Each structure stands twice: as C-alpha cells, then as structure tokens.
C-alpha atoms as a PDB file:
ATOM      1  CA  MET A   1    -195.880 136.956-107.702  1.00  0.00           C
ATOM      2  CA  ARG A   2    -193.870 134.047-109.068  1.00  0.00           C
ATOM      3  CA  ASN A   3    -195.797 131.394-107.230  1.00  0.00           C
ATOM      4  CA  PRO A   4    -199.446 132.237-106.467  1.00  0.00           C
ATOM      5  CA  ILE A   5    -199.995 128.880-104.774  1.00  0.00           C
ATOM      6  CA  LEU A   6    -197.146 129.588-102.368  1.00  0.00           C
ATOM      7  CA  PHE A   7    -198.503 133.095-101.739  1.00  0.00           C
ATOM      8  CA  CYS A   8    -201.873 131.628-100.721  1.00  0.00           C
ATOM      9  CA  SER A   9    -200.077 129.174 -98.454  1.00  0.00           C
ATOM     10  CA  ILE A  10    -198.203 132.019 -96.713  1.00  0.00           C
ATOM     11  CA  VAL A  11    -201.429 133.975 -96.169  1.00  0.00           C
ATOM     12  CA  THR A  12    -203.027 130.834 -94.737  1.00  0.00           C
ATOM     13  CA  LEU A  13    -200.113 130.480 -92.327  1.00  0.00           C
ATOM     14  CA  GLY A  14    -200.526 134.047 -91.130  1.00  0.00           C
ATOM     15  CA  VAL A  15    -204.243 133.596 -90.515  1.00  0.00           C
ATOM     16  CA  SER A  16    -203.606 130.252 -88.824  1.00  0.00           C
ATOM     17  CA  LEU A  17    -201.121 131.877 -86.444  1.00  0.00           C
ATOM     18  CA  ALA A  18    -203.558 134.640 -85.500  1.00  0.00           C
ATOM     19  CA  THR A  19    -206.535 132.339 -85.006  1.00  0.00           C
ATOM     20  CA  ALA A  20    -204.729 129.371 -83.412  1.00  0.00           C
ATOM     21  CA  GLN A  21    -205.827 126.996 -86.190  1.00  0.00           C
ATOM     22  CA  PRO A  22    -203.781 123.991 -87.398  1.00  0.00           C
ATOM     23  CA  VAL A  23    -201.027 124.931 -89.858  1.00  0.00           C
ATOM     24  CA  PRO A  24    -199.987 123.028 -92.967  1.00  0.00           C
ATOM     25  CA  GLN A  25    -197.117 120.694 -92.109  1.00  0.00           C
ATOM     26  CA  GLU A  26    -194.835 121.318 -95.116  1.00  0.00           C
ATOM     27  CA  PRO A  27    -191.475 122.456 -93.679  1.00  0.00           C
ATOM     28  CA  ASN A  28    -189.316 120.263 -95.915  1.00  0.00           C
ATOM     29  CA  ARG A  29    -191.126 121.291 -99.095  1.00  0.00           C
ATOM     30  CA  VAL A  30    -190.936 124.989 -98.254  1.00  0.00           C
ATOM     31  CA  ARG A  31    -187.280 124.667 -97.207  1.00  0.00           C
ATOM     32  CA  GLU A  32    -186.460 123.072-100.563  1.00  0.00           C
ATOM     33  CA  MET A  33    -188.219 125.897-102.389  1.00  0.00           C
ATOM     34  CA  VAL A  34    -186.321 128.504-100.350  1.00  0.00           C
ATOM     35  CA  GLU A  35    -182.986 126.816-101.065  1.00  0.00           C
ATOM     36  CA  ALA A  36    -183.867 126.635-104.761  1.00  0.00           C
ATOM     37  CA  GLY A  37    -184.693 130.326-104.800  1.00  0.00           C
ATOM     38  CA  ALA A  38    -188.329 129.660-105.696  1.00  0.00           C
ATOM     39  CA  ALA A  39    -189.674 131.080-102.425  1.00  0.00           C
ATOM     40  CA  PRO A  40    -188.617 133.871-100.055  1.00  0.00           C
ATOM     41  CA  ARG A  41    -186.949 133.071 -96.739  1.00  0.00           C
ATOM     42  CA  ALA A  42    -189.966 134.661 -95.041  1.00  0.00           C
ATOM     43  CA  ALA A  43    -192.068 131.695 -96.129  1.00  0.00           C
ATOM     44  CA  LEU A  44    -189.972 129.276 -94.066  1.00  0.00           C
ATOM     45  CA  ASP A  45    -189.824 131.728 -91.156  1.00  0.00           C
ATOM     46  CA  LYS A  46    -193.624 131.922 -91.088  1.00  0.00           C
ATOM     47  CA  LEU A  47    -193.932 128.157 -91.124  1.00  0.00           C
ATOM     48  CA  GLN A  48    -191.443 127.752 -88.284  1.00  0.00           C
ATOM     49  CA  THR A  49    -193.164 130.496 -86.259  1.00  0.00           C
ATOM     50  CA  ALA A  50    -196.545 128.822 -86.711  1.00  0.00           C
ATOM     51  CA  ALA A  51    -195.077 125.452 -85.654  1.00  0.00           C
ATOM     52  CA  ALA A  52    -193.555 127.014 -82.519  1.00  0.00           C
ATOM     53  CA  ASP A  53    -196.882 128.653 -81.747  1.00  0.00           C
ATOM     54  CA  GLN A  54    -198.658 125.312 -81.977  1.00  0.00           C
ATOM     55  CA  GLU A  55    -196.059 123.744 -79.686  1.00  0.00           C
ATOM     56  CA  ASP A  56    -196.655 126.448 -77.069  1.00  0.00           C
ATOM     57  CA  GLU A  57    -200.412 126.043 -77.426  1.00  0.00           C
ATOM     58  CA  PHE A  58    -200.148 122.275 -76.897  1.00  0.00           C
ATOM     59  CA  PHE A  59    -198.012 122.788 -73.771  1.00  0.00           C
ATOM     60  CA  LEU A  60    -200.583 125.206 -72.297  1.00  0.00           C
ATOM     61  CA  LYS A  61    -203.454 122.829 -73.074  1.00  0.00           C
ATOM     62  CA  ARG A  62    -201.617 120.034 -71.272  1.00  0.00           C
ATOM     63  CA  THR A  63    -200.600 122.057 -68.200  1.00  0.00           C
ATOM     64  CA  LEU A  64    -202.665 125.225 -67.754  1.00  0.00           C
ATOM     65  CA  TYR A  65    -205.925 123.844 -69.172  1.00  0.00           C
ATOM     66  CA  GLY A  66    -205.272 120.124 -68.785  1.00  0.00           C
ATOM     67  CA  ASP A  67    -206.365 117.579 -66.198  1.00  0.00           C
ATOM     68  CA  LEU A  68    -203.187 117.991 -64.133  1.00  0.00           C
ATOM     69  CA  ARG A  69    -203.790 119.035 -60.548  1.00  0.00           C
ATOM     70  CA  VAL A  70    -201.998 122.135 -59.291  1.00  0.00           C
ATOM     71  CA  GLU A  71    -199.872 120.023 -56.947  1.00  0.00           C
ATOM     72  CA  ASP A  72    -198.732 117.924 -59.935  1.00  0.00           C
ATOM     73  CA  ILE A  73    -197.230 120.957 -61.705  1.00  0.00           C
ATOM     74  CA  SER A  74    -193.716 121.973 -60.730  1.00  0.00           C
ATOM     75  CA  GLN A  75    -192.589 125.541 -60.140  1.00  0.00           C
ATOM     76  CA  GLN A  76    -190.403 125.266 -63.248  1.00  0.00           C
ATOM     77  CA  GLN A  77    -193.410 124.204 -65.320  1.00  0.00           C
ATOM     78  CA  GLY A  78    -195.248 127.224 -63.946  1.00  0.00           C
ATOM     79  CA  GLU A  79    -192.477 129.475 -65.245  1.00  0.00           C
ATOM     80  CA  GLU A  80    -192.575 127.666 -68.599  1.00  0.00           C
ATOM     81  CA  MET A  81    -196.355 128.215 -68.789  1.00  0.00           C
ATOM     82  CA  VAL A  82    -195.847 131.953 -68.391  1.00  0.00           C
ATOM     83  CA  ALA A  83    -193.075 131.959 -71.010  1.00  0.00           C
ATOM     84  CA  ALA A  84    -195.197 130.000 -73.503  1.00  0.00           C
ATOM     85  CA  ALA A  85    -198.234 132.219 -72.954  1.00  0.00           C
ATOM     86  CA  ARG A  86    -196.103 135.358 -73.309  1.00  0.00           C
ATOM     87  CA  ARG A  87    -194.592 134.128 -76.580  1.00  0.00           C
ATOM     88  CA  ARG A  88    -198.084 133.513 -77.970  1.00  0.00           C
ATOM     89  CA  VAL A  89    -199.137 137.046 -77.005  1.00  0.00           C
ATOM     90  CA  GLU A  90    -196.055 138.492 -78.687  1.00  0.00           C
ATOM     91  CA  ARG A  91    -196.698 136.546 -81.894  1.00  0.00           C
ATOM     92  CA  ALA A  92    -200.323 137.631 -82.011  1.00  0.00           C
ATOM     93  CA  GLN A  93    -199.287 141.232 -81.349  1.00  0.00           C
ATOM     94  CA  ARG A  94    -196.787 141.162 -84.213  1.00  0.00           C
ATOM     95  CA  GLU A  95    -199.396 139.734 -86.575  1.00  0.00           C
ATOM     96  CA  TYR A  96    -201.942 142.349 -85.479  1.00  0.00           C
ATOM     97  CA  ASP A  97    -199.427 145.164 -86.028  1.00  0.00           C
ATOM     98  CA  ARG A  98    -198.470 143.784 -89.439  1.00  0.00           C
ATOM     99  CA  VAL A  99    -202.050 143.571 -90.657  1.00  0.00           C
ATOM    100  CA  LYS A 100    -202.921 146.930 -89.119  1.00  0.00           C
ATOM    101  CA  ALA A 101    -200.201 148.544 -91.213  1.00  0.00           C
ATOM    102  CA  LEU A 102    -201.703 146.963 -94.329  1.00  0.00           C
ATOM    103  CA  VAL A 103    -205.169 148.178 -93.318  1.00  0.00           C
ATOM    104  CA  THR A 104    -203.753 151.689 -92.969  1.00  0.00           C
ATOM    105  CA  GLU A 105    -202.311 151.399 -96.470  1.00  0.00           C
ATOM    106  CA  GLY A 106    -205.696 150.301 -97.796  1.00  0.00           C
ATOM    107  CA  VAL A 107    -204.603 146.769 -98.692  1.00  0.00           C
ATOM    108  CA  PHE A 108    -207.091 145.108 -96.298  1.00  0.00           C
ATOM    109  CA  ALA A 109    -210.491 146.194 -94.985  1.00  0.00           C
ATOM    110  CA  ARG A 110    -210.602 147.463 -91.411  1.00  0.00           C
ATOM    111  CA  ASN A 111    -212.806 144.575 -90.248  1.00  0.00           C
ATOM    112  CA  THR A 112    -209.866 142.266 -91.006  1.00  0.00           C
ATOM    113  CA  LEU A 113    -208.495 143.331 -87.624  1.00  0.00           C
ATOM    114  CA  ILE A 114    -211.504 142.100 -85.642  1.00  0.00           C
ATOM    115  CA  PRO A 115    -210.543 138.386 -85.361  1.00  0.00           C
ATOM    116  CA  LEU A 116    -206.904 139.350 -84.789  1.00  0.00           C
ATOM    117  CA  GLN A 117    -207.881 141.648 -81.903  1.00  0.00           C
ATOM    118  CA  GLU A 118    -210.116 138.942 -80.420  1.00  0.00           C
ATOM    119  CA  GLU A 119    -207.278 136.417 -80.611  1.00  0.00           C
ATOM    120  CA  LEU A 120    -204.849 138.889 -79.034  1.00  0.00           C
ATOM    121  CA  ASP A 121    -207.293 139.536 -76.170  1.00  0.00           C
ATOM    122  CA  HIS A 122    -207.773 135.797 -75.665  1.00  0.00           C
ATOM    123  CA  ARG A 123    -204.037 135.202 -75.478  1.00  0.00           C
ATOM    124  CA  GLN A 124    -203.592 138.086 -73.053  1.00  0.00           C
ATOM    125  CA  ARG A 125    -206.183 136.534 -70.727  1.00  0.00           C
ATOM    126  CA  THR A 126    -204.346 133.211 -70.972  1.00  0.00           C
ATOM    127  CA  LEU A 127    -201.098 134.957 -70.004  1.00  0.00           C
ATOM    128  CA  GLU A 128    -202.754 136.524 -66.964  1.00  0.00           C
ATOM    129  CA  LEU A 129    -204.103 133.114 -65.940  1.00  0.00           C
ATOM    130  CA  ALA A 130    -200.661 131.520 -66.363  1.00  0.00           C
ATOM    131  CA  GLU A 131    -199.033 134.280 -64.290  1.00  0.00           C
ATOM    132  CA  GLY A 132    -201.587 133.759 -61.522  1.00  0.00           C
ATOM    133  CA  ARG A 133    -201.038 129.996 -61.565  1.00  0.00           C
ATOM    134  CA  ALA A 134    -197.253 130.401 -61.484  1.00  0.00           C
ATOM    135  CA  LYS A 135    -197.494 132.775 -58.521  1.00  0.00           C
ATOM    136  CA  PHE A 136    -199.677 130.287 -56.671  1.00  0.00           C
ATOM    137  CA  LEU A 137    -197.166 127.491 -57.362  1.00  0.00           C
ATOM    138  CA  ILE A 138    -194.397 129.637 -55.885  1.00  0.00           C
ATOM    139  CA  GLU A 139    -196.506 130.227 -52.777  1.00  0.00           C
ATOM    140  CA  LEU A 140    -197.175 126.499 -52.440  1.00  0.00           C
ATOM    141  CA  SER A 141    -193.440 125.857 -52.735  1.00  0.00           C
ATOM    142  CA  GLU A 142    -192.706 128.456 -50.067  1.00  0.00           C
ATOM    143  CA  MET A 143    -195.344 126.918 -47.804  1.00  0.00           C
ATOM    144  CA  ALA A 144    -193.764 123.464 -48.143  1.00  0.00           C
ATOM    145  CA  ARG A 145    -190.309 124.899 -47.473  1.00  0.00           C
ATOM    146  CA  ALA A 146    -191.539 126.771 -44.408  1.00  0.00           C
ATOM    147  CA  GLU A 147    -193.169 123.607 -43.061  1.00  0.00           C
ATOM    148  CA  ALA A 148    -189.878 121.755 -43.490  1.00  0.00           C
ATOM    149  CA  ASP A 149    -187.921 124.532 -41.777  1.00  0.00           C
ATOM    150  CA  PHE A 150    -190.323 124.562 -38.850  1.00  0.00           C
ATOM    151  CA  ALA A 151    -190.166 120.781 -38.511  1.00  0.00           C
ATOM    152  CA  ALA A 152    -186.377 120.989 -38.337  1.00  0.00           C
ATOM    153  CA  ALA A 153    -186.505 123.778 -35.754  1.00  0.00           C
ATOM    154  CA  ALA A 154    -189.020 121.865 -33.648  1.00  0.00           C
ATOM    155  CA  ALA A 155    -186.842 118.757 -33.704  1.00  0.00           C
ATOM    156  CA  ALA A 156    -183.876 120.798 -32.484  1.00  0.00           C
ATOM    157  CA  ALA A 157    -185.830 122.615 -29.765  1.00  0.00           C
ATOM    158  CA  SER A 158    -184.806 122.328 -26.146  1.00  0.00           C
ATOM    159  CA  PRO A 159    -186.607 119.458 -24.369  1.00  0.00           C
ATOM    160  CA  VAL A 160    -187.079 121.815 -21.413  1.00  0.00           C
ATOM    161  CA  THR A 161    -188.655 124.797 -23.089  1.00  0.00           C
ATOM    162  CA  GLY A 162    -190.010 122.926 -26.132  1.00  0.00           C
ATOM    163  CA  PRO A 163    -190.840 124.578 -29.450  1.00  0.00           C
ATOM    164  CA  ARG A 164    -192.823 127.794 -29.556  1.00  0.00           C
ATOM    165  CA  PRO A 165    -196.395 127.404 -30.846  1.00  0.00           C
ATOM    166  CA  VAL A 166    -196.721 127.644 -34.620  1.00  0.00           C
ATOM    167  CA  SER A 167    -199.779 129.887 -34.352  1.00  0.00           C
ATOM    168  CA  VAL A 168    -201.119 132.114 -31.590  1.00  0.00           C
ATOM    169  CA  ARG A 169    -204.486 133.812 -31.448  1.00  0.00           C
ATOM    170  CA  PHE A 170    -205.267 137.109 -29.708  1.00  0.00           C
ATOM    171  CA  ASP A 171    -208.928 138.180 -29.691  1.00  0.00           C
ATOM    172  CA  GLY A 172    -208.549 141.657 -28.161  1.00  0.00           C
ATOM    173  CA  ASP A 173    -211.828 143.570 -28.243  1.00  0.00           C
ATOM    174  CA  GLY A 174    -212.890 141.727 -31.410  1.00  0.00           C
ATOM    175  CA  SER A 175    -212.872 144.740 -33.745  1.00  0.00           C
ATOM    176  CA  PHE A 176    -210.501 146.147 -36.359  1.00  0.00           C
ATOM    177  CA  SER A 177    -211.446 149.387 -38.120  1.00  0.00           C
ATOM    178  CA  ALA A 178    -210.026 151.559 -40.886  1.00  0.00           C
ATOM    179  CA  ALA A 179    -209.011 154.074 -38.210  1.00  0.00           C
ATOM    180  CA  ASP A 180    -207.126 151.329 -36.335  1.00  0.00           C
ATOM    181  CA  TRP A 181    -205.262 150.478 -39.530  1.00  0.00           C
ATOM    182  CA  LYS A 182    -204.366 154.104 -40.278  1.00  0.00           C
ATOM    183  CA  ASN A 183    -202.998 154.651 -36.774  1.00  0.00           C
ATOM    184  CA  LEU A 184    -201.021 151.418 -36.950  1.00  0.00           C
ATOM    185  CA  VAL A 185    -199.431 152.315 -40.307  1.00  0.00           C
ATOM    186  CA  LEU A 186    -198.406 155.742 -39.053  1.00  0.00           C
ATOM    187  CA  ALA A 187    -196.963 154.320 -35.840  1.00  0.00           C
ATOM    188  CA  TYR A 188    -195.006 151.640 -37.711  1.00  0.00           C
ATOM    189  CA  GLU A 189    -193.538 154.094 -40.214  1.00  0.00           C
ATOM    190  CA  LYS A 190    -192.571 156.456 -37.402  1.00  0.00           C
ATOM    191  CA  GLU A 191    -190.902 153.610 -35.495  1.00  0.00           C
ATOM    192  CA  PHE A 192    -188.993 152.009 -38.386  1.00  0.00           C
ATOM    193  CA  GLY A 193    -188.865 154.698 -41.061  1.00  0.00           C
ATOM    194  CA  LYS A 194    -190.157 152.400 -43.806  1.00  0.00           C
ATOM    195  CA  PRO A 195    -193.520 151.099 -45.089  1.00  0.00           C
ATOM    196  CA  MET A 196    -195.117 148.115 -43.448  1.00  0.00           C
ATOM    197  CA  PRO A 197    -194.632 144.996 -45.651  1.00  0.00           C
ATOM    198  CA  VAL A 198    -198.291 144.196 -46.362  1.00  0.00           C
ATOM    199  CA  SER A 199    -198.651 140.916 -48.266  1.00  0.00           C
ATOM    200  CA  ALA A 200    -202.453 140.841 -48.467  1.00  0.00           C
ATOM    201  CA  HIS A 201    -204.977 143.646 -48.010  1.00  0.00           C
ATOM    202  CA  GLY A 202    -208.411 142.066 -48.097  1.00  0.00           C
ATOM    203  CA  GLU A 203    -209.326 139.228 -50.458  1.00  0.00           C
ATOM    204  CA  THR A 204    -206.706 137.478 -52.617  1.00  0.00           C
ATOM    205  CA  ALA A 205    -206.710 134.466 -54.948  1.00  0.00           C
ATOM    206  CA  VAL A 206    -204.650 132.457 -52.468  1.00  0.00           C
ATOM    207  CA  HIS A 207    -207.112 133.080 -49.637  1.00  0.00           C
ATOM    208  CA  LYS A 208    -209.995 132.007 -51.860  1.00  0.00           C
ATOM    209  CA  SER A 209    -208.146 128.821 -52.809  1.00  0.00           C
ATOM    210  CA  LEU A 210    -207.665 128.049 -49.095  1.00  0.00           C
ATOM    211  CA  GLY A 211    -211.330 128.723 -48.320  1.00  0.00           C
ATOM    212  CA  PHE A 212    -210.823 132.088 -46.598  1.00  0.00           C
ATOM    213  CA  ASP A 213    -213.081 135.114 -46.758  1.00  0.00           C
ATOM    214  CA  HIS A 214    -210.289 137.579 -46.033  1.00  0.00           C
ATOM    215  CA  ARG A 215    -212.202 140.813 -46.556  1.00  0.00           C
ATOM    216  CA  GLY A 216    -211.484 143.398 -43.863  1.00  0.00           C
ATOM    217  CA  ARG A 217    -208.341 141.581 -42.797  1.00  0.00           C
ATOM    218  CA  ILE A 218    -204.680 142.346 -43.476  1.00  0.00           C
ATOM    219  CA  ASP A 219    -201.634 140.087 -43.626  1.00  0.00           C
ATOM    220  CA  VAL A 220    -198.207 141.520 -42.831  1.00  0.00           C
ATOM    221  CA  ALA A 221    -195.127 139.684 -44.115  1.00  0.00           C
ATOM    222  CA  LEU A 222    -193.208 139.741 -40.849  1.00  0.00           C
ATOM    223  CA  SER A 223    -191.992 136.860 -38.744  1.00  0.00           C
ATOM    224  CA  PRO A 224    -193.541 137.262 -35.267  1.00  0.00           C
ATOM    225  CA  ASP A 225    -190.071 136.930 -33.716  1.00  0.00           C
ATOM    226  CA  GLN A 226    -188.086 139.441 -35.758  1.00  0.00           C
ATOM    227  CA  PRO A 227    -187.751 142.940 -34.237  1.00  0.00           C
ATOM    228  CA  GLU A 228    -190.490 144.495 -36.381  1.00  0.00           C
ATOM    229  CA  GLY A 229    -192.776 141.544 -35.666  1.00  0.00           C
ATOM    230  CA  VAL A 230    -192.197 141.778 -31.908  1.00  0.00           C
ATOM    231  CA  TRP A 231    -193.014 145.508 -32.022  1.00  0.00           C
ATOM    232  CA  LEU A 232    -196.167 144.873 -34.078  1.00  0.00           C
ATOM    233  CA  ARG A 233    -197.411 142.191 -31.679  1.00  0.00           C
ATOM    234  CA  ALA A 234    -196.890 144.501 -28.691  1.00  0.00           C
ATOM    235  CA  TYR A 235    -198.732 147.341 -30.442  1.00  0.00           C
ATOM    236  CA  LEU A 236    -201.686 145.119 -31.381  1.00  0.00           C
ATOM    237  CA  GLU A 237    -201.969 143.753 -27.854  1.00  0.00           C
ATOM    238  CA  LYS A 238    -201.727 147.245 -26.334  1.00  0.00           C
ATOM    239  CA  GLU A 239    -204.509 148.509 -28.643  1.00  0.00           C
ATOM    240  CA  GLN A 240    -206.568 145.329 -28.109  1.00  0.00           C
ATOM    241  CA  ILE A 241    -206.660 144.631 -31.868  1.00  0.00           C
ATOM    242  CA  PRO A 242    -207.413 140.994 -32.711  1.00  0.00           C
ATOM    243  CA  HIS A 243    -204.705 139.144 -34.609  1.00  0.00           C
ATOM    244  CA  PHE A 244    -203.060 135.812 -35.308  1.00  0.00           C
ATOM    245  CA  LEU A 245    -199.370 135.173 -35.582  1.00  0.00           C
ATOM    246  CA  PHE A 246    -197.921 132.334 -37.637  1.00  0.00           C
ATOM    247  CA  ARG A 247    -194.327 131.236 -37.174  1.00  0.00           C
ATOM    248  CA  ALA A 248    -194.530 128.819 -40.105  1.00  0.00           C
ATOM    249  CA  ALA A 249    -196.872 127.592 -42.781  1.00  0.00           C
ATOM    250  CA  VAL A 250    -199.944 125.819 -41.456  1.00  0.00           C
ATOM    251  CA  SER A 251    -201.681 123.516 -43.903  1.00  0.00           C
ATOM    252  CA  GLY A 252    -205.052 124.956 -44.872  1.00  0.00           C
ATOM    253  CA  LYS A 253    -204.497 128.131 -42.840  1.00  0.00           C
ATOM    254  CA  ALA A 254    -201.306 130.001 -43.718  1.00  0.00           C
ATOM    255  CA  THR A 255    -198.791 129.845 -46.567  1.00  0.00           C
ATOM    256  CA  GLY A 256    -195.873 131.006 -44.429  1.00  0.00           C
ATOM    257  CA  PRO A 257    -194.757 133.048 -41.413  1.00  0.00           C
ATOM    258  CA  HIS A 258    -196.773 136.263 -41.083  1.00  0.00           C
ATOM    259  CA  ILE A 259    -199.073 138.264 -38.820  1.00  0.00           C
ATOM    260  CA  HIS A 260    -202.776 138.331 -39.637  1.00  0.00           C
ATOM    261  CA  ILE A 261    -204.467 141.515 -38.386  1.00  0.00           C
ATOM    262  CA  GLY A 262    -208.198 141.414 -37.731  1.00  0.00           C
ATOM    263  CA  PRO A 263    -210.699 138.848 -36.506  1.00  0.00           C
ATOM    264  CA  PRO A 264    -210.721 135.266 -37.829  1.00  0.00           C
ATOM    265  CA  SER A 265    -211.419 134.909 -41.528  1.00  0.00           C
ATOM    266  CA  LEU A 266    -214.964 133.796 -42.191  1.00  0.00           C
ATOM    267  CA  ARG A 267    -215.685 130.216 -43.227  1.00  0.00           C
ATOM    268  CA  LEU A 268    -212.655 129.011 -41.271  1.00  0.00           C
ATOM    269  CA  ARG A 269    -212.181 128.165 -37.599  1.00  0.00           C
ATOM    270  CA  ILE A 270    -208.597 128.674 -36.463  1.00  0.00           C
ATOM    271  CA  ALA A 271    -207.512 127.159 -33.183  1.00  0.00           C
ATOM    272  CA  ASP A 272    -204.621 128.357 -31.087  1.00  0.00           C
END
C-alpha cells in the first residue's frame, strides 16, 4: 500500500456509507491525488458515492421524517422519496455484498457483517415507508381530481333533473357474510368473464388515515354508473346486501368513485 493514510480514509468512507455516519469532506484533495496517480480512482468514486448517500439521507429527513405535513408534499416529491430510499438500499446492499465476499475469503471476521445487515434492514424499512407515503399521495391527488371532476359535472347538470347524488346508502338486511361474498364473486365472473376489481379487502392504511375501521368490508373499484357498476348495484339490492355507492371522492369518506360492500365502517357515520 503506497499510502496507508489514504487506505484508512477509504475504509472509513466505506464504514460511513454503511452506517450513515458523516463522511470526510475531502473531494478536491482526493481528486488531486487521483489525477497525480497517488491514489486509485476507486478512492474518488467512494467519496462521491458517500456524498450522494448523504444527500439522499438529508432529503428523506426533510420530507419523509421531517415536519412537513402530508398535504405539503407533492406527488413528485413522493416519487423522489422512493427513488432516494431505493438508492440508499442499493448502496447498502452493495457494501454488504462487498464485505461479505471479504468475510468469505477470511479477510474480515464474520461479525463485521452485523452492523451492515442492521443498516440494510433499516434502509429497507425506510423504503417501504416511502413507498407507502408515495402511494397515499397519489390517492390524495386522485381524490382531489375526482372532486374537481364531480364539481364540473354538477355545474353542467340539467337544471330540471339536477345532479345525481354523490353517495347513496342501501342498508338491505344489515348483514354481509363470507358466503355472500363468495356468491357475488362467482356471479360477477360468470357475468363478465373477468375478476372483480377489488381495491380494498378489509383494513388498509388509507382507511386508517381517514378514521375508518374497514374490517369485514370490501371496496370495488367500479363507478356506480358504468355497466359493471350498474349490474353490481342491482345484484346487491336483489340480495339485500348493504352497500354504499360513491360517484366521486367525498372528503373524509371516500378517495374516489367506488362501491363499498358491507355495513357502514365503524367509527364513522355516513349520511346519504
């Protein structure tokens, strides 16, 4: 090793990347050494990788873990959060694989992998959180767009007939069982030759965020007025199965047009 001090610096950079610790800020010095032939190109690459990792970490701290409210984060920022979190997972995975190979060769002790595995797991959880947040931002965007579309349709409605109600409630006999669901699925597939587009089967993160206890309920991603939706409404009424139909997003109740099958979600009173 021609430069033991530089070697120690490179090792420090690798550990810093895997443990999300601050990295030495010496890009110009290392670049000069690389250009002079006193250091390998890999030294500069490691420094630049560590700097990019810190930049992604800072972005996630400001958006994903920061004080910003969900409504203050754009859909594009949500996509950028996922991209930043995914890059950090990929970097940690590469570092883990690199060190694992050295452990296999007997260069490092096996316990060297422990902090690297913990960091990789932590970054994977952050990626999952970012993906969930991005999905929720998309749903909020769709809800706002649906509200705008409905407002435009209502404004253009005939003054004689008026707009159709945004939501309609049908109580039926008040019950919805697993057998009811099985029969409905079979009837739908026989009628249309394709699976029913279920958007939520039981509890979801979006329902929790809206204050719903959605267990035992099912949401179907069909507009109540499209052919499949009309058929589904007729079937549910014929079988006396309770349901709600939503022609548009309803603030605090629905994120977009769909048919809710089952009694009202607990902890929420929905009016016609």
